[in-house]
Amino acid sequence: MVNIESTAGIVATVTLLILFMFFAANLGMIVLEQKISTGSLQAFGSGLAKMLNKSDNPNSYKQARVYLVGSALSFFAFMALLEFGYA
């Protein structure tokens, strides 16, 4: 169990969690919109690669990249805050 003692720690935790949920939810909606198969890991990987590729997805590849990178960075920042911020 995490013992949160400072208001700044609470605000940082909630902010990172909201950022992660925003980026991850938007990435999930893009994945559903592109109808990427989740039947196998290989099919999901190839569908994700097509979604992020400029030639295969000229309309929204930038948006997909922003949401993927944003969700990964906010997730790692959230995990680092939980690991090192409350140690």
N, C-alpha and C. Protein backbone atom coordinates (compact mmCIF):
# COMPACT_ATOMS: atom_id res chain seq x y z
N MET A 1 0.84 -1.18 0.00
CA MET A 1 0.00 0.00 0.00
C MET A 1 0.88 1.24 0.00
N VAL A 2 0.50 2.21 -0.78
CA VAL A 2 1.26 3.44 -0.93
C VAL A 2 0.79 4.45 0.10
N ASN A 3 1.74 5.05 0.80
CA ASN A 3 1.43 6.08 1.78
C ASN A 3 1.70 7.44 1.14
N ILE A 4 0.64 8.16 0.82
CA ILE A 4 0.77 9.46 0.17
C ILE A 4 0.70 10.52 1.26
N GLU A 5 1.77 11.31 1.37
CA GLU A 5 1.84 12.30 2.43
C GLU A 5 1.74 13.73 1.93
N SER A 6 2.02 13.97 0.67
CA SER A 6 2.03 15.34 0.18
C SER A 6 0.93 15.56 -0.86
N THR A 7 0.47 16.77 -0.90
CA THR A 7 -0.55 17.14 -1.88
C THR A 7 0.04 17.11 -3.28
N ALA A 8 1.30 17.50 -3.43
CA ALA A 8 1.94 17.48 -4.74
C ALA A 8 2.03 16.06 -5.29
N GLY A 9 2.28 15.08 -4.42
CA GLY A 9 2.31 13.68 -4.85
C GLY A 9 0.96 13.21 -5.34
N ILE A 10 -0.08 13.62 -4.66
CA ILE A 10 -1.44 13.25 -5.07
C ILE A 10 -1.78 13.87 -6.42
N VAL A 11 -1.48 15.16 -6.57
CA VAL A 11 -1.78 15.86 -7.82
C VAL A 11 -1.00 15.26 -8.98
N ALA A 12 0.29 14.96 -8.79
CA ALA A 12 1.10 14.37 -9.85
C ALA A 12 0.57 12.99 -10.24
N THR A 13 0.19 12.20 -9.25
CA THR A 13 -0.33 10.86 -9.53
C THR A 13 -1.62 10.93 -10.33
N VAL A 14 -2.54 11.77 -9.91
CA VAL A 14 -3.82 11.89 -10.60
C VAL A 14 -3.64 12.46 -12.00
N THR A 15 -2.75 13.44 -12.14
CA THR A 15 -2.50 14.03 -13.46
C THR A 15 -1.92 13.00 -14.42
N LEU A 16 -0.94 12.24 -13.98
CA LEU A 16 -0.35 11.21 -14.86
C LEU A 16 -1.36 10.12 -15.20
N LEU A 17 -2.20 9.77 -14.26
CA LEU A 17 -3.23 8.76 -14.53
C LEU A 17 -4.24 9.27 -15.54
N ILE A 18 -4.64 10.53 -15.43
CA ILE A 18 -5.58 11.10 -16.40
C ILE A 18 -4.95 11.19 -17.78
N LEU A 19 -3.67 11.60 -17.85
CA LEU A 19 -2.98 11.64 -19.14
C LEU A 19 -2.91 10.26 -19.79
N PHE A 20 -2.56 9.26 -18.98
CA PHE A 20 -2.48 7.90 -19.52
C PHE A 20 -3.85 7.44 -20.03
N MET A 21 -4.89 7.67 -19.26
CA MET A 21 -6.22 7.24 -19.69
C MET A 21 -6.65 7.97 -20.96
N PHE A 22 -6.33 9.25 -21.09
CA PHE A 22 -6.67 10.00 -22.29
C PHE A 22 -5.98 9.43 -23.52
N PHE A 23 -4.65 9.27 -23.44
CA PHE A 23 -3.91 8.75 -24.59
C PHE A 23 -4.30 7.31 -24.90
N ALA A 24 -4.44 6.47 -23.89
CA ALA A 24 -4.76 5.06 -24.11
C ALA A 24 -6.16 4.89 -24.68
N ALA A 25 -7.12 5.66 -24.19
CA ALA A 25 -8.48 5.56 -24.71
C ALA A 25 -8.55 6.00 -26.17
N ASN A 26 -7.86 7.08 -26.51
CA ASN A 26 -7.85 7.53 -27.91
C ASN A 26 -7.13 6.54 -28.81
N LEU A 27 -6.04 5.96 -28.32
CA LEU A 27 -5.35 4.93 -29.11
C LEU A 27 -6.25 3.72 -29.30
N GLY A 28 -6.97 3.34 -28.26
CA GLY A 28 -7.90 2.22 -28.38
C GLY A 28 -9.01 2.49 -29.39
N MET A 29 -9.50 3.72 -29.42
CA MET A 29 -10.54 4.06 -30.40
C MET A 29 -9.99 4.02 -31.82
N ILE A 30 -8.74 4.44 -32.00
CA ILE A 30 -8.14 4.37 -33.34
C ILE A 30 -7.96 2.92 -33.76
N VAL A 31 -7.54 2.07 -32.82
CA VAL A 31 -7.38 0.64 -33.12
C VAL A 31 -8.72 0.04 -33.51
N LEU A 32 -9.78 0.38 -32.80
CA LEU A 32 -11.11 -0.13 -33.15
C LEU A 32 -11.58 0.42 -34.48
N GLU A 33 -11.27 1.67 -34.77
CA GLU A 33 -11.67 2.29 -36.03
C GLU A 33 -10.97 1.63 -37.21
N GLN A 34 -9.70 1.27 -37.03
CA GLN A 34 -8.94 0.62 -38.10
C GLN A 34 -9.27 -0.87 -38.22
N LYS A 35 -10.04 -1.39 -37.27
CA LYS A 35 -10.45 -2.80 -37.24
C LYS A 35 -9.25 -3.74 -37.23
N ILE A 36 -8.31 -3.47 -36.32
CA ILE A 36 -7.12 -4.30 -36.18
C ILE A 36 -7.51 -5.58 -35.45
N SER A 37 -7.11 -6.69 -35.99
CA SER A 37 -7.43 -7.99 -35.40
C SER A 37 -6.64 -8.20 -34.11
N THR A 38 -7.33 -8.66 -33.09
CA THR A 38 -6.66 -8.99 -31.83
C THR A 38 -6.65 -10.49 -31.60
N GLY A 39 -6.85 -11.26 -32.66
CA GLY A 39 -6.88 -12.72 -32.54
C GLY A 39 -5.54 -13.32 -32.17
N SER A 40 -4.48 -12.75 -32.69
CA SER A 40 -3.15 -13.24 -32.35
C SER A 40 -2.21 -12.05 -32.19
N LEU A 41 -1.12 -12.27 -31.52
CA LEU A 41 -0.16 -11.19 -31.28
C LEU A 41 0.48 -10.75 -32.59
N GLN A 42 0.72 -11.68 -33.50
CA GLN A 42 1.34 -11.34 -34.78
C GLN A 42 0.39 -10.48 -35.62
N ALA A 43 -0.89 -10.82 -35.65
CA ALA A 43 -1.87 -10.04 -36.41
C ALA A 43 -2.02 -8.65 -35.81
N PHE A 44 -2.01 -8.56 -34.48
CA PHE A 44 -2.12 -7.26 -33.83
C PHE A 44 -0.89 -6.40 -34.12
N GLY A 45 0.29 -7.01 -34.09
CA GLY A 45 1.53 -6.28 -34.37
C GLY A 45 1.58 -5.76 -35.80
N SER A 46 1.17 -6.58 -36.75
CA SER A 46 1.19 -6.13 -38.14
C SER A 46 0.13 -5.06 -38.38
N GLY A 47 -1.03 -5.18 -37.73
CA GLY A 47 -2.06 -4.16 -37.86
C GLY A 47 -1.63 -2.84 -37.25
N LEU A 48 -0.93 -2.92 -36.11
CA LEU A 48 -0.43 -1.71 -35.47
C LEU A 48 0.65 -1.05 -36.32
N ALA A 49 1.50 -1.87 -36.94
CA ALA A 49 2.54 -1.33 -37.82
C ALA A 49 1.92 -0.63 -39.04
N LYS A 50 0.86 -1.22 -39.59
CA LYS A 50 0.17 -0.58 -40.73
C LYS A 50 -0.48 0.72 -40.30
N MET A 51 -1.01 0.75 -39.08
CA MET A 51 -1.68 1.95 -38.60
C MET A 51 -0.68 3.09 -38.40
N LEU A 52 0.55 2.77 -38.01
CA LEU A 52 1.56 3.79 -37.75
C LEU A 52 2.37 4.16 -38.99
N ASN A 53 2.22 3.41 -40.08
CA ASN A 53 2.99 3.63 -41.30
C ASN A 53 2.33 4.73 -42.14
N LYS A 54 3.14 5.64 -42.64
CA LYS A 54 2.63 6.77 -43.42
C LYS A 54 2.00 6.32 -44.74
N SER A 55 2.60 5.35 -45.41
CA SER A 55 2.08 4.94 -46.71
C SER A 55 0.80 4.11 -46.59
N ASP A 56 0.65 3.35 -45.49
CA ASP A 56 -0.54 2.53 -45.32
C ASP A 56 -1.71 3.29 -44.70
N ASN A 57 -1.41 4.35 -43.94
CA ASN A 57 -2.44 5.11 -43.25
C ASN A 57 -2.14 6.60 -43.39
N PRO A 58 -2.33 7.16 -44.60
CA PRO A 58 -1.93 8.56 -44.81
C PRO A 58 -2.79 9.57 -44.06
N ASN A 59 -4.01 9.19 -43.69
CA ASN A 59 -4.92 10.16 -43.07
C ASN A 59 -4.63 10.41 -41.59
N SER A 60 -4.36 9.37 -40.84
CA SER A 60 -4.26 9.56 -39.39
C SER A 60 -3.05 8.87 -38.76
N TYR A 61 -1.97 8.72 -39.51
CA TYR A 61 -0.80 8.07 -38.92
C TYR A 61 -0.14 8.95 -37.87
N LYS A 62 -0.16 10.29 -38.05
CA LYS A 62 0.43 11.19 -37.06
C LYS A 62 -0.35 11.12 -35.75
N GLN A 63 -1.64 11.11 -35.86
CA GLN A 63 -2.49 11.03 -34.67
C GLN A 63 -2.25 9.72 -33.93
N ALA A 64 -2.14 8.62 -34.66
CA ALA A 64 -1.89 7.33 -34.03
C ALA A 64 -0.52 7.31 -33.35
N ARG A 65 0.48 7.92 -33.97
CA ARG A 65 1.80 7.97 -33.36
C ARG A 65 1.81 8.80 -32.07
N VAL A 66 1.10 9.93 -32.10
CA VAL A 66 1.03 10.78 -30.91
C VAL A 66 0.38 10.04 -29.76
N TYR A 67 -0.72 9.35 -30.03
CA TYR A 67 -1.42 8.63 -28.96
C TYR A 67 -0.62 7.43 -28.46
N LEU A 68 0.09 6.75 -29.35
CA LEU A 68 0.90 5.61 -28.92
C LEU A 68 2.07 6.07 -28.06
N VAL A 69 2.79 7.07 -28.52
CA VAL A 69 3.94 7.58 -27.76
C VAL A 69 3.47 8.24 -26.46
N GLY A 70 2.36 8.98 -26.53
CA GLY A 70 1.84 9.62 -25.33
C GLY A 70 1.40 8.62 -24.28
N SER A 71 0.74 7.55 -24.70
CA SER A 71 0.30 6.55 -23.73
C SER A 71 1.49 5.80 -23.15
N ALA A 72 2.50 5.50 -23.96
CA ALA A 72 3.68 4.81 -23.45
C ALA A 72 4.46 5.69 -22.47
N LEU A 73 4.69 6.95 -22.84
CA LEU A 73 5.44 7.85 -21.96
C LEU A 73 4.70 8.13 -20.66
N SER A 74 3.40 8.36 -20.73
CA SER A 74 2.65 8.64 -19.51
C SER A 74 2.57 7.39 -18.63
N PHE A 75 2.50 6.21 -19.24
CA PHE A 75 2.48 4.97 -18.45
C PHE A 75 3.81 4.78 -17.72
N PHE A 76 4.92 4.97 -18.43
CA PHE A 76 6.23 4.82 -17.79
C PHE A 76 6.47 5.90 -16.74
N ALA A 77 6.01 7.11 -16.98
CA ALA A 77 6.14 8.18 -15.98
C ALA A 77 5.31 7.86 -14.75
N PHE A 78 4.12 7.31 -14.96
CA PHE A 78 3.25 6.93 -13.84
C PHE A 78 3.89 5.81 -13.03
N MET A 79 4.45 4.83 -13.70
CA MET A 79 5.10 3.73 -12.98
C MET A 79 6.36 4.22 -12.25
N ALA A 80 7.12 5.11 -12.87
CA ALA A 80 8.31 5.65 -12.21
C ALA A 80 7.93 6.48 -10.99
N LEU A 81 6.86 7.25 -11.10
CA LEU A 81 6.41 8.03 -9.96
C LEU A 81 5.98 7.12 -8.82
N LEU A 82 5.27 6.06 -9.15
CA LEU A 82 4.86 5.13 -8.10
C LEU A 82 6.05 4.42 -7.47
N GLU A 83 7.06 4.12 -8.28
CA GLU A 83 8.23 3.40 -7.76
C GLU A 83 9.14 4.31 -6.95
N PHE A 84 9.48 5.47 -7.50
CA PHE A 84 10.48 6.32 -6.88
C PHE A 84 9.88 7.47 -6.07
N GLY A 85 8.66 7.85 -6.39
CA GLY A 85 8.07 9.00 -5.71
C GLY A 85 7.61 8.69 -4.31
N TYR A 86 7.31 7.45 -4.04
CA TYR A 86 6.79 7.08 -2.72
C TYR A 86 7.72 6.14 -1.97
N ALA A 87 8.96 6.03 -2.42
CA ALA A 87 9.92 5.12 -1.77
C ALA A 87 10.41 5.68 -0.46
